Amino acid sequence: MDPNSHEDVYLLGRVAAGDREAFARLFDRHSPIVLGLLVRILGRRSEAEEILQEVFLQVWRQAGRYEAGRSTPRGWILVVARSRALDHLRSREARQRRETELSAETAAHEEHPIGTQGLEASETRARVSSALGLLPPEQRRCIELAFFEGLTQTQIASRLDAPLGTVKSRIHLGMSKLRQVLSS
């Protein structure tokens, strides 16, 4: 292990204890390489800069989870960055697919008169929308983020600043309620 790794291990320990100065030093040391990785994965510097902030927010929150025997601090931070970037890519691709499907669906409705299938789909959308309105706001928000924005449960937890287990429970309970309402 190089001498910088020993200092990084120390800094991560200090970050886990809430030391903002140690966090700033860790950010200064590793943000350039992390940003480079993110730009390579995402292909867009603006998105990479946004994800860089999320990566270091996760480092701040989870510094206590770092295990020195498993990787170097830089390696751990880069794994966090890679994971965040891939989640972002999946979310971007899902959003693009939905937009493409929506514009294709819109074009199909404009070209053809609404038939039985169109009326059934419209009725189903109305029932789902109505059922979503019956859910508690926390459950509805988690489900909307998952199904309409394509976010993973981890991303939802991060966006809502809620524990992952809470997000999973809200989605599970909300989906159960939706099944009950829609099956009756």
N, C-alpha and C. Protein backbone atom coordinates (compact mmCIF):
# COMPACT_ATOMS: atom_id res chain seq x y z
N MET A 1 0.86 -1.18 0.00
CA MET A 1 0.00 0.00 0.00
C MET A 1 0.90 1.23 0.00
N ASP A 2 0.60 2.17 -0.89
CA ASP A 2 1.45 3.36 -0.95
C ASP A 2 1.14 4.30 0.20
N PRO A 3 2.06 5.22 0.51
CA PRO A 3 1.86 6.13 1.65
C PRO A 3 0.58 6.95 1.54
N ASN A 4 0.18 7.31 0.31
CA ASN A 4 -1.06 8.06 0.14
C ASN A 4 -2.27 7.27 0.61
N SER A 5 -2.24 5.94 0.40
CA SER A 5 -3.35 5.11 0.84
C SER A 5 -3.49 5.14 2.35
N HIS A 6 -2.35 5.13 3.07
CA HIS A 6 -2.41 5.19 4.54
C HIS A 6 -3.06 6.49 4.98
N GLU A 7 -2.67 7.59 4.33
CA GLU A 7 -3.27 8.87 4.69
C GLU A 7 -4.76 8.88 4.34
N ASP A 8 -5.12 8.27 3.19
CA ASP A 8 -6.53 8.21 2.80
C ASP A 8 -7.36 7.39 3.78
N VAL A 9 -6.79 6.30 4.28
CA VAL A 9 -7.49 5.49 5.29
C VAL A 9 -7.74 6.35 6.52
N TYR A 10 -6.73 7.10 6.93
CA TYR A 10 -6.87 8.00 8.07
C TYR A 10 -7.96 9.03 7.80
N LEU A 11 -7.92 9.63 6.60
CA LEU A 11 -8.91 10.65 6.24
C LEU A 11 -10.33 10.08 6.25
N LEU A 12 -10.49 8.86 5.71
CA LEU A 12 -11.82 8.24 5.71
C LEU A 12 -12.31 8.01 7.13
N GLY A 13 -11.41 7.62 8.00
CA GLY A 13 -11.78 7.45 9.41
C GLY A 13 -12.25 8.76 10.02
N ARG A 14 -11.55 9.83 9.70
CA ARG A 14 -11.94 11.16 10.19
C ARG A 14 -13.28 11.59 9.59
N VAL A 15 -13.49 11.29 8.30
CA VAL A 15 -14.75 11.62 7.64
C VAL A 15 -15.90 10.88 8.32
N ALA A 16 -15.68 9.61 8.63
CA ALA A 16 -16.70 8.81 9.32
C ALA A 16 -17.07 9.43 10.66
N ALA A 17 -16.11 10.14 11.26
CA ALA A 17 -16.35 10.81 12.54
C ALA A 17 -16.94 12.21 12.35
N GLY A 18 -17.19 12.60 11.08
CA GLY A 18 -17.82 13.89 10.82
C GLY A 18 -16.85 15.04 10.61
N ASP A 19 -15.59 14.76 10.34
CA ASP A 19 -14.57 15.80 10.16
C ASP A 19 -14.68 16.39 8.75
N ARG A 20 -15.18 17.62 8.66
CA ARG A 20 -15.38 18.27 7.37
C ARG A 20 -14.05 18.61 6.68
N GLU A 21 -13.05 18.96 7.45
CA GLU A 21 -11.75 19.29 6.87
C GLU A 21 -11.12 18.05 6.22
N ALA A 22 -11.24 16.91 6.88
CA ALA A 22 -10.74 15.66 6.30
C ALA A 22 -11.50 15.34 5.02
N PHE A 23 -12.80 15.60 5.03
CA PHE A 23 -13.60 15.36 3.84
C PHE A 23 -13.14 16.25 2.69
N ALA A 24 -12.88 17.51 2.98
CA ALA A 24 -12.42 18.44 1.95
C ALA A 24 -11.08 17.97 1.37
N ARG A 25 -10.19 17.50 2.22
CA ARG A 25 -8.89 17.00 1.73
C ARG A 25 -9.08 15.77 0.86
N LEU A 26 -9.97 14.86 1.28
CA LEU A 26 -10.24 13.65 0.50
C LEU A 26 -10.85 14.03 -0.85
N PHE A 27 -11.77 14.97 -0.84
CA PHE A 27 -12.38 15.44 -2.09
C PHE A 27 -11.32 16.04 -3.02
N ASP A 28 -10.47 16.90 -2.48
CA ASP A 28 -9.43 17.53 -3.29
C ASP A 28 -8.49 16.50 -3.89
N ARG A 29 -8.18 15.46 -3.15
CA ARG A 29 -7.24 14.43 -3.62
C ARG A 29 -7.86 13.55 -4.70
N HIS A 30 -9.14 13.23 -4.59
CA HIS A 30 -9.72 12.20 -5.46
C HIS A 30 -10.74 12.70 -6.48
N SER A 31 -11.26 13.90 -6.31
CA SER A 31 -12.29 14.35 -7.25
C SER A 31 -11.82 14.43 -8.70
N PRO A 32 -10.56 14.82 -8.98
CA PRO A 32 -10.17 14.86 -10.41
C PRO A 32 -10.23 13.50 -11.10
N ILE A 33 -9.74 12.45 -10.44
CA ILE A 33 -9.76 11.12 -11.07
C ILE A 33 -11.19 10.58 -11.14
N VAL A 34 -11.99 10.87 -10.11
CA VAL A 34 -13.39 10.42 -10.12
C VAL A 34 -14.15 11.13 -11.24
N LEU A 35 -13.93 12.43 -11.39
CA LEU A 35 -14.59 13.17 -12.45
C LEU A 35 -14.19 12.61 -13.82
N GLY A 36 -12.91 12.30 -14.00
CA GLY A 36 -12.45 11.71 -15.26
C GLY A 36 -13.17 10.41 -15.57
N LEU A 37 -13.30 9.55 -14.57
CA LEU A 37 -14.01 8.28 -14.76
C LEU A 37 -15.46 8.53 -15.14
N LEU A 38 -16.10 9.44 -14.44
CA LEU A 38 -17.52 9.73 -14.69
C LEU A 38 -17.74 10.29 -16.09
N VAL A 39 -16.84 11.17 -16.53
CA VAL A 39 -16.96 11.72 -17.89
C VAL A 39 -16.82 10.61 -18.92
N ARG A 40 -15.87 9.69 -18.69
CA ARG A 40 -15.69 8.57 -19.63
C ARG A 40 -16.93 7.70 -19.69
N ILE A 41 -17.54 7.42 -18.56
CA ILE A 41 -18.70 6.54 -18.53
C ILE A 41 -19.94 7.25 -19.09
N LEU A 42 -20.17 8.48 -18.67
CA LEU A 42 -21.41 9.18 -19.02
C LEU A 42 -21.32 9.95 -20.33
N GLY A 43 -20.13 10.36 -20.71
CA GLY A 43 -19.97 11.08 -21.96
C GLY A 43 -20.42 12.53 -21.92
N ARG A 44 -20.89 12.99 -20.79
CA ARG A 44 -21.37 14.37 -20.65
C ARG A 44 -20.80 14.96 -19.37
N ARG A 45 -20.00 16.00 -19.51
CA ARG A 45 -19.34 16.58 -18.35
C ARG A 45 -20.35 17.12 -17.34
N SER A 46 -21.43 17.75 -17.80
CA SER A 46 -22.41 18.32 -16.87
C SER A 46 -23.03 17.22 -15.99
N GLU A 47 -23.36 16.09 -16.60
CA GLU A 47 -23.91 14.97 -15.81
C GLU A 47 -22.84 14.42 -14.88
N ALA A 48 -21.61 14.34 -15.38
CA ALA A 48 -20.51 13.81 -14.56
C ALA A 48 -20.29 14.68 -13.32
N GLU A 49 -20.38 15.99 -13.47
CA GLU A 49 -20.21 16.89 -12.33
C GLU A 49 -21.33 16.70 -11.31
N GLU A 50 -22.54 16.48 -11.80
CA GLU A 50 -23.69 16.24 -10.92
C GLU A 50 -23.49 14.94 -10.14
N ILE A 51 -23.09 13.89 -10.84
CA ILE A 51 -22.88 12.59 -10.20
C ILE A 51 -21.69 12.65 -9.25
N LEU A 52 -20.67 13.45 -9.58
CA LEU A 52 -19.51 13.62 -8.69
C LEU A 52 -19.99 14.08 -7.31
N GLN A 53 -20.92 15.03 -7.30
CA GLN A 53 -21.45 15.52 -6.02
C GLN A 53 -22.17 14.39 -5.28
N GLU A 54 -22.95 13.58 -6.00
CA GLU A 54 -23.65 12.46 -5.37
C GLU A 54 -22.66 11.44 -4.82
N VAL A 55 -21.58 11.19 -5.56
CA VAL A 55 -20.57 10.22 -5.12
C VAL A 55 -19.97 10.66 -3.79
N PHE A 56 -19.56 11.92 -3.73
CA PHE A 56 -18.91 12.37 -2.49
C PHE A 56 -19.91 12.57 -1.35
N LEU A 57 -21.16 12.80 -1.67
CA LEU A 57 -22.18 12.80 -0.62
C LEU A 57 -22.30 11.39 -0.04
N GLN A 58 -22.28 10.39 -0.91
CA GLN A 58 -22.33 9.00 -0.45
C GLN A 58 -21.08 8.66 0.36
N VAL A 59 -19.92 9.13 -0.07
CA VAL A 59 -18.68 8.90 0.68
C VAL A 59 -18.82 9.53 2.07
N TRP A 60 -19.35 10.73 2.14
CA TRP A 60 -19.54 11.41 3.43
C TRP A 60 -20.45 10.58 4.34
N ARG A 61 -21.56 10.10 3.78
CA ARG A 61 -22.53 9.35 4.58
C ARG A 61 -22.06 7.95 4.94
N GLN A 62 -21.25 7.33 4.07
CA GLN A 62 -20.93 5.92 4.26
C GLN A 62 -19.44 5.66 4.53
N ALA A 63 -18.70 6.68 4.90
CA ALA A 63 -17.27 6.50 5.15
C ALA A 63 -17.02 5.42 6.20
N GLY A 64 -17.90 5.27 7.14
CA GLY A 64 -17.75 4.26 8.18
C GLY A 64 -17.87 2.84 7.65
N ARG A 65 -18.39 2.67 6.45
CA ARG A 65 -18.54 1.33 5.86
C ARG A 65 -17.28 0.88 5.11
N TYR A 66 -16.34 1.80 4.92
CA TYR A 66 -15.12 1.44 4.20
C TYR A 66 -14.35 0.38 4.99
N GLU A 67 -13.90 -0.66 4.27
CA GLU A 67 -13.11 -1.74 4.89
C GLU A 67 -11.73 -1.75 4.24
N ALA A 68 -10.72 -1.39 5.03
CA ALA A 68 -9.36 -1.26 4.51
C ALA A 68 -8.83 -2.56 3.91
N GLY A 69 -9.25 -3.69 4.40
CA GLY A 69 -8.76 -4.97 3.90
C GLY A 69 -9.31 -5.34 2.53
N ARG A 70 -10.35 -4.68 2.09
CA ARG A 70 -10.99 -5.05 0.82
C ARG A 70 -10.48 -4.24 -0.36
N SER A 71 -10.13 -2.97 -0.14
CA SER A 71 -9.63 -2.14 -1.24
C SER A 71 -8.96 -0.90 -0.68
N THR A 72 -8.31 -0.17 -1.57
CA THR A 72 -7.75 1.12 -1.16
C THR A 72 -8.90 2.12 -1.09
N PRO A 73 -8.70 3.21 -0.37
CA PRO A 73 -9.76 4.23 -0.35
C PRO A 73 -10.10 4.73 -1.76
N ARG A 74 -9.07 4.95 -2.59
CA ARG A 74 -9.34 5.41 -3.96
C ARG A 74 -10.15 4.36 -4.71
N GLY A 75 -9.80 3.10 -4.56
CA GLY A 75 -10.55 2.02 -5.21
C GLY A 75 -11.99 2.00 -4.77
N TRP A 76 -12.20 2.16 -3.47
CA TRP A 76 -13.57 2.17 -2.93
C TRP A 76 -14.37 3.33 -3.50
N ILE A 77 -13.77 4.51 -3.53
CA ILE A 77 -14.45 5.70 -4.06
C ILE A 77 -14.76 5.51 -5.54
N LEU A 78 -13.83 4.92 -6.29
CA LEU A 78 -14.06 4.70 -7.72
C LEU A 78 -15.18 3.68 -7.96
N VAL A 79 -15.28 2.67 -7.09
CA VAL A 79 -16.38 1.70 -7.21
C VAL A 79 -17.72 2.40 -6.95
N VAL A 80 -17.75 3.27 -5.94
CA VAL A 80 -18.97 4.05 -5.66
C VAL A 80 -19.32 4.90 -6.88
N ALA A 81 -18.31 5.55 -7.47
CA ALA A 81 -18.54 6.41 -8.64
C ALA A 81 -19.05 5.60 -9.82
N ARG A 82 -18.43 4.47 -10.08
CA ARG A 82 -18.84 3.63 -11.20
C ARG A 82 -20.29 3.19 -11.02
N SER A 83 -20.63 2.76 -9.81
CA SER A 83 -21.99 2.31 -9.53
C SER A 83 -23.00 3.43 -9.74
N ARG A 84 -22.68 4.63 -9.24
CA ARG A 84 -23.57 5.78 -9.42
C ARG A 84 -23.73 6.11 -10.90
N ALA A 85 -22.62 6.07 -11.65
CA ALA A 85 -22.67 6.40 -13.07
C ALA A 85 -23.52 5.39 -13.83
N LEU A 86 -23.36 4.11 -13.53
CA LEU A 86 -24.15 3.09 -14.22
C LEU A 86 -25.63 3.21 -13.88
N ASP A 87 -25.93 3.50 -12.62
CA ASP A 87 -27.33 3.74 -12.23
C ASP A 87 -27.90 4.92 -13.03
N HIS A 88 -27.10 5.96 -13.16
CA HIS A 88 -27.55 7.14 -13.91
C HIS A 88 -27.77 6.80 -15.38
N LEU A 89 -26.87 6.02 -15.96
CA LEU A 89 -27.02 5.61 -17.36
C LEU A 89 -28.30 4.81 -17.55
N ARG A 90 -28.54 3.85 -16.65
CA ARG A 90 -29.76 3.04 -16.75
C ARG A 90 -31.00 3.92 -16.64
N SER A 91 -30.97 4.87 -15.74
CA SER A 91 -32.10 5.78 -15.57
C SER A 91 -32.29 6.63 -16.83
N ARG A 92 -31.20 7.12 -17.39
CA ARG A 92 -31.26 7.94 -18.61
C ARG A 92 -31.83 7.12 -19.76
N GLU A 93 -31.36 5.88 -19.90
CA GLU A 93 -31.84 5.02 -20.99
C GLU A 93 -33.32 4.69 -20.81
N ALA A 94 -33.73 4.41 -19.58
CA ALA A 94 -35.15 4.11 -19.31
C ALA A 94 -36.02 5.32 -19.64
N ARG A 95 -35.55 6.51 -19.26
CA ARG A 95 -36.30 7.73 -19.54
C ARG A 95 -36.41 7.95 -21.05
N GLN A 96 -35.32 7.71 -21.78
CA GLN A 96 -35.34 7.87 -23.24
C GLN A 96 -36.29 6.85 -23.88
N ARG A 97 -36.29 5.61 -23.37
CA ARG A 97 -37.20 4.58 -23.90
C ARG A 97 -38.65 5.00 -23.67
N ARG A 98 -38.96 5.47 -22.47
CA ARG A 98 -40.33 5.90 -22.17
C ARG A 98 -40.75 7.06 -23.06
N GLU A 99 -39.84 8.01 -23.26
CA GLU A 99 -40.18 9.15 -24.13
C GLU A 99 -40.42 8.68 -25.56
N THR A 100 -39.61 7.75 -26.04
CA THR A 100 -39.78 7.21 -27.39
C THR A 100 -41.10 6.47 -27.50
N GLU A 101 -41.39 5.64 -26.49
CA GLU A 101 -42.65 4.89 -26.51
C GLU A 101 -43.84 5.83 -26.44
N LEU A 102 -43.73 6.85 -25.61
CA LEU A 102 -44.83 7.80 -25.46
C LEU A 102 -45.06 8.55 -26.76
N SER A 103 -43.99 8.99 -27.43
CA SER A 103 -44.20 9.71 -28.69
C SER A 103 -44.72 8.78 -29.77
N ALA A 104 -44.30 7.50 -29.76
CA ALA A 104 -44.83 6.54 -30.73
C ALA A 104 -46.31 6.29 -30.44
N GLU A 105 -46.66 6.17 -29.16
CA GLU A 105 -48.06 5.95 -28.78
C GLU A 105 -48.91 7.16 -29.16
N THR A 106 -48.38 8.34 -28.92
CA THR A 106 -49.11 9.56 -29.27
C THR A 106 -49.32 9.63 -30.78
N ALA A 107 -48.27 9.32 -31.54
CA ALA A 107 -48.39 9.34 -32.99
C ALA A 107 -49.42 8.32 -33.47
N ALA A 108 -49.44 7.14 -32.85
CA ALA A 108 -50.39 6.10 -33.24
C ALA A 108 -51.82 6.55 -32.96
N HIS A 109 -52.03 7.24 -31.84
CA HIS A 109 -53.37 7.73 -31.51
C HIS A 109 -53.81 8.84 -32.45
N GLU A 110 -52.86 9.63 -32.91
CA GLU A 110 -53.21 10.71 -33.83
C GLU A 110 -53.56 10.18 -35.20
N GLU A 111 -52.94 9.07 -35.60
CA GLU A 111 -53.15 8.53 -36.93
C GLU A 111 -54.41 7.67 -37.03
N HIS A 112 -54.79 7.01 -35.95
CA HIS A 112 -55.89 6.06 -35.98
C HIS A 112 -56.98 6.47 -35.00
N PRO A 113 -58.23 6.30 -35.39
CA PRO A 113 -59.31 6.58 -34.43
C PRO A 113 -59.20 5.62 -33.24
N ILE A 114 -59.68 6.08 -32.11
CA ILE A 114 -59.62 5.25 -30.92
C ILE A 114 -60.58 4.09 -31.07
N GLY A 115 -60.03 2.88 -30.98
CA GLY A 115 -60.85 1.68 -31.05
C GLY A 115 -61.06 1.13 -29.66
N THR A 116 -61.51 -0.10 -29.60
CA THR A 116 -61.77 -0.76 -28.33
C THR A 116 -60.51 -0.82 -27.48
N GLN A 117 -59.36 -1.16 -28.10
CA GLN A 117 -58.11 -1.26 -27.34
C GLN A 117 -57.71 0.10 -26.76
N GLY A 118 -57.90 1.15 -27.55
CA GLY A 118 -57.56 2.49 -27.07
C GLY A 118 -58.42 2.90 -25.90
N LEU A 119 -59.71 2.57 -25.97
CA LEU A 119 -60.61 2.89 -24.87
C LEU A 119 -60.25 2.10 -23.61
N GLU A 120 -59.90 0.82 -23.80
CA GLU A 120 -59.50 -0.01 -22.65
C GLU A 120 -58.23 0.53 -22.01
N ALA A 121 -57.26 0.91 -22.84
CA ALA A 121 -56.00 1.45 -22.31
C ALA A 121 -56.26 2.75 -21.56
N SER A 122 -57.11 3.59 -22.12
CA SER A 122 -57.45 4.86 -21.49
C SER A 122 -58.14 4.63 -20.15
N GLU A 123 -59.05 3.66 -20.12
CA GLU A 123 -59.75 3.31 -18.88
C GLU A 123 -58.77 2.77 -17.84
N THR A 124 -57.85 1.93 -18.28
CA THR A 124 -56.85 1.37 -17.36
C THR A 124 -55.99 2.48 -16.78
N ARG A 125 -55.53 3.41 -17.63
CA ARG A 125 -54.72 4.52 -17.13
C ARG A 125 -55.50 5.34 -16.09
N ALA A 126 -56.77 5.56 -16.35
CA ALA A 126 -57.60 6.32 -15.43
C ALA A 126 -57.75 5.59 -14.09
N ARG A 127 -57.93 4.26 -14.15
CA ARG A 127 -58.06 3.48 -12.92
C ARG A 127 -56.76 3.50 -12.11
N VAL A 128 -55.62 3.36 -12.81
CA VAL A 128 -54.32 3.37 -12.13
C VAL A 128 -54.08 4.74 -11.50
N SER A 129 -54.38 5.79 -12.25
CA SER A 129 -54.21 7.15 -11.72
C SER A 129 -55.07 7.37 -10.49
N SER A 130 -56.31 6.91 -10.56
CA SER A 130 -57.22 7.05 -9.43
C SER A 130 -56.72 6.24 -8.23
N ALA A 131 -56.24 5.03 -8.49
CA ALA A 131 -55.72 4.17 -7.41
C ALA A 131 -54.48 4.80 -6.77
N LEU A 132 -53.61 5.39 -7.58
CA LEU A 132 -52.43 6.07 -7.03
C LEU A 132 -52.84 7.20 -6.10
N GLY A 133 -53.92 7.88 -6.44
CA GLY A 133 -54.41 8.98 -5.61
C GLY A 133 -54.88 8.54 -4.24
N LEU A 134 -55.17 7.24 -4.08
CA LEU A 134 -55.63 6.72 -2.80
C LEU A 134 -54.48 6.39 -1.85
N LEU A 135 -53.26 6.33 -2.38
CA LEU A 135 -52.10 5.96 -1.57
C LEU A 135 -51.64 7.13 -0.72
N PRO A 136 -51.02 6.81 0.43
CA PRO A 136 -50.37 7.89 1.20
C PRO A 136 -49.29 8.54 0.33
N PRO A 137 -49.07 9.84 0.50
CA PRO A 137 -48.13 10.56 -0.36
C PRO A 137 -46.73 9.93 -0.44
N GLU A 138 -46.22 9.40 0.68
CA GLU A 138 -44.87 8.82 0.68
C GLU A 138 -44.81 7.58 -0.22
N GLN A 139 -45.83 6.74 -0.15
CA GLN A 139 -45.87 5.54 -0.97
C GLN A 139 -46.05 5.91 -2.44
N ARG A 140 -46.95 6.85 -2.71
CA ARG A 140 -47.21 7.28 -4.09
C ARG A 140 -45.94 7.85 -4.70
N ARG A 141 -45.20 8.68 -3.96
CA ARG A 141 -43.98 9.32 -4.49
C ARG A 141 -42.94 8.26 -4.84
N CYS A 142 -42.75 7.27 -3.97
CA CYS A 142 -41.77 6.21 -4.25
C CYS A 142 -42.15 5.42 -5.50
N ILE A 143 -43.42 5.09 -5.62
CA ILE A 143 -43.89 4.33 -6.80
C ILE A 143 -43.75 5.17 -8.06
N GLU A 144 -44.09 6.44 -8.00
CA GLU A 144 -43.94 7.30 -9.18
C GLU A 144 -42.49 7.41 -9.61
N LEU A 145 -41.59 7.56 -8.64
CA LEU A 145 -40.17 7.65 -8.99
C LEU A 145 -39.66 6.35 -9.61
N ALA A 146 -40.15 5.22 -9.10
CA ALA A 146 -39.69 3.94 -9.61
C ALA A 146 -40.26 3.65 -10.99
N PHE A 147 -41.54 3.85 -11.18
CA PHE A 147 -42.18 3.40 -12.40
C PHE A 147 -42.29 4.48 -13.49
N PHE A 148 -42.36 5.74 -13.10
CA PHE A 148 -42.51 6.78 -14.10
C PHE A 148 -41.19 7.48 -14.41
N GLU A 149 -40.25 7.47 -13.46
CA GLU A 149 -38.95 8.08 -13.71
C GLU A 149 -37.85 7.04 -13.87
N GLY A 150 -38.17 5.77 -13.62
CA GLY A 150 -37.20 4.70 -13.84
C GLY A 150 -36.06 4.65 -12.84
N LEU A 151 -36.24 5.21 -11.67
CA LEU A 151 -35.18 5.21 -10.68
C LEU A 151 -35.12 3.88 -9.95
N THR A 152 -33.92 3.48 -9.55
CA THR A 152 -33.77 2.29 -8.72
C THR A 152 -34.16 2.66 -7.29
N GLN A 153 -34.36 1.64 -6.47
CA GLN A 153 -34.71 1.92 -5.08
C GLN A 153 -33.59 2.69 -4.38
N THR A 154 -32.36 2.39 -4.71
CA THR A 154 -31.23 3.11 -4.13
C THR A 154 -31.27 4.57 -4.53
N GLN A 155 -31.56 4.84 -5.79
CA GLN A 155 -31.64 6.23 -6.26
C GLN A 155 -32.80 6.96 -5.59
N ILE A 156 -33.91 6.26 -5.39
CA ILE A 156 -35.06 6.87 -4.73
C ILE A 156 -34.69 7.24 -3.29
N ALA A 157 -34.03 6.31 -2.61
CA ALA A 157 -33.61 6.57 -1.23
C ALA A 157 -32.71 7.80 -1.17
N SER A 158 -31.80 7.90 -2.12
CA SER A 158 -30.89 9.04 -2.16
C SER A 158 -31.66 10.34 -2.44
N ARG A 159 -32.54 10.31 -3.43
CA ARG A 159 -33.28 11.52 -3.80
C ARG A 159 -34.17 11.99 -2.66
N LEU A 160 -34.82 11.05 -1.97
CA LEU A 160 -35.74 11.41 -0.89
C LEU A 160 -35.04 11.54 0.46
N ASP A 161 -33.73 11.23 0.47
CA ASP A 161 -32.96 11.24 1.71
C ASP A 161 -33.63 10.37 2.77
N ALA A 162 -34.00 9.16 2.33
CA ALA A 162 -34.68 8.20 3.20
C ALA A 162 -33.87 6.90 3.22
N PRO A 163 -33.97 6.13 4.29
CA PRO A 163 -33.27 4.84 4.32
C PRO A 163 -33.79 3.91 3.22
N LEU A 164 -32.90 3.10 2.66
CA LEU A 164 -33.27 2.19 1.58
C LEU A 164 -34.39 1.25 2.03
N GLY A 165 -34.33 0.74 3.24
CA GLY A 165 -35.37 -0.16 3.75
C GLY A 165 -36.74 0.51 3.79
N THR A 166 -36.77 1.78 4.13
CA THR A 166 -38.02 2.54 4.15
C THR A 166 -38.60 2.65 2.75
N VAL A 167 -37.73 2.94 1.77
CA VAL A 167 -38.19 3.05 0.38
C VAL A 167 -38.75 1.72 -0.09
N LYS A 168 -38.04 0.63 0.22
CA LYS A 168 -38.51 -0.70 -0.19
C LYS A 168 -39.87 -1.00 0.43
N SER A 169 -40.03 -0.67 1.71
CA SER A 169 -41.31 -0.91 2.39
C SER A 169 -42.43 -0.09 1.78
N ARG A 170 -42.14 1.18 1.49
CA ARG A 170 -43.17 2.05 0.91
C ARG A 170 -43.63 1.51 -0.45
N ILE A 171 -42.67 1.08 -1.27
CA ILE A 171 -43.02 0.54 -2.58
C ILE A 171 -43.82 -0.75 -2.42
N HIS A 172 -43.37 -1.63 -1.53
CA HIS A 172 -44.07 -2.90 -1.33
C HIS A 172 -45.49 -2.67 -0.84
N LEU A 173 -45.66 -1.82 0.18
CA LEU A 173 -47.00 -1.55 0.72
C LEU A 173 -47.88 -0.87 -0.32
N GLY A 174 -47.30 0.10 -1.05
CA GLY A 174 -48.07 0.80 -2.08
C GLY A 174 -48.52 -0.12 -3.18
N MET A 175 -47.63 -1.00 -3.62
CA MET A 175 -47.99 -1.94 -4.69
C MET A 175 -49.08 -2.91 -4.21
N SER A 176 -48.99 -3.34 -2.96
CA SER A 176 -50.03 -4.22 -2.41
C SER A 176 -51.39 -3.52 -2.42
N LYS A 177 -51.41 -2.26 -1.99
CA LYS A 177 -52.67 -1.50 -1.99
C LYS A 177 -53.18 -1.31 -3.40
N LEU A 178 -52.28 -1.03 -4.34
CA LEU A 178 -52.70 -0.86 -5.74
C LEU A 178 -53.32 -2.15 -6.27
N ARG A 179 -52.70 -3.29 -5.97
CA ARG A 179 -53.25 -4.57 -6.43
C ARG A 179 -54.65 -4.77 -5.87
N GLN A 180 -54.84 -4.46 -4.58
CA GLN A 180 -56.16 -4.63 -3.96
C GLN A 180 -57.19 -3.73 -4.64
N VAL A 181 -56.85 -2.48 -4.84
CA VAL A 181 -57.79 -1.53 -5.44
C VAL A 181 -58.10 -1.92 -6.88
N LEU A 182 -57.07 -2.28 -7.64
CA LEU A 182 -57.28 -2.57 -9.07
C LEU A 182 -57.93 -3.91 -9.32
N SER A 183 -57.85 -4.83 -8.35
CA SER A 183 -58.47 -6.14 -8.57
C SER A 183 -59.93 -6.15 -8.16
N SER A 184 -60.38 -5.12 -7.47
CA SER A 184 -61.79 -5.08 -7.05
C SER A 184 -62.67 -4.42 -8.06
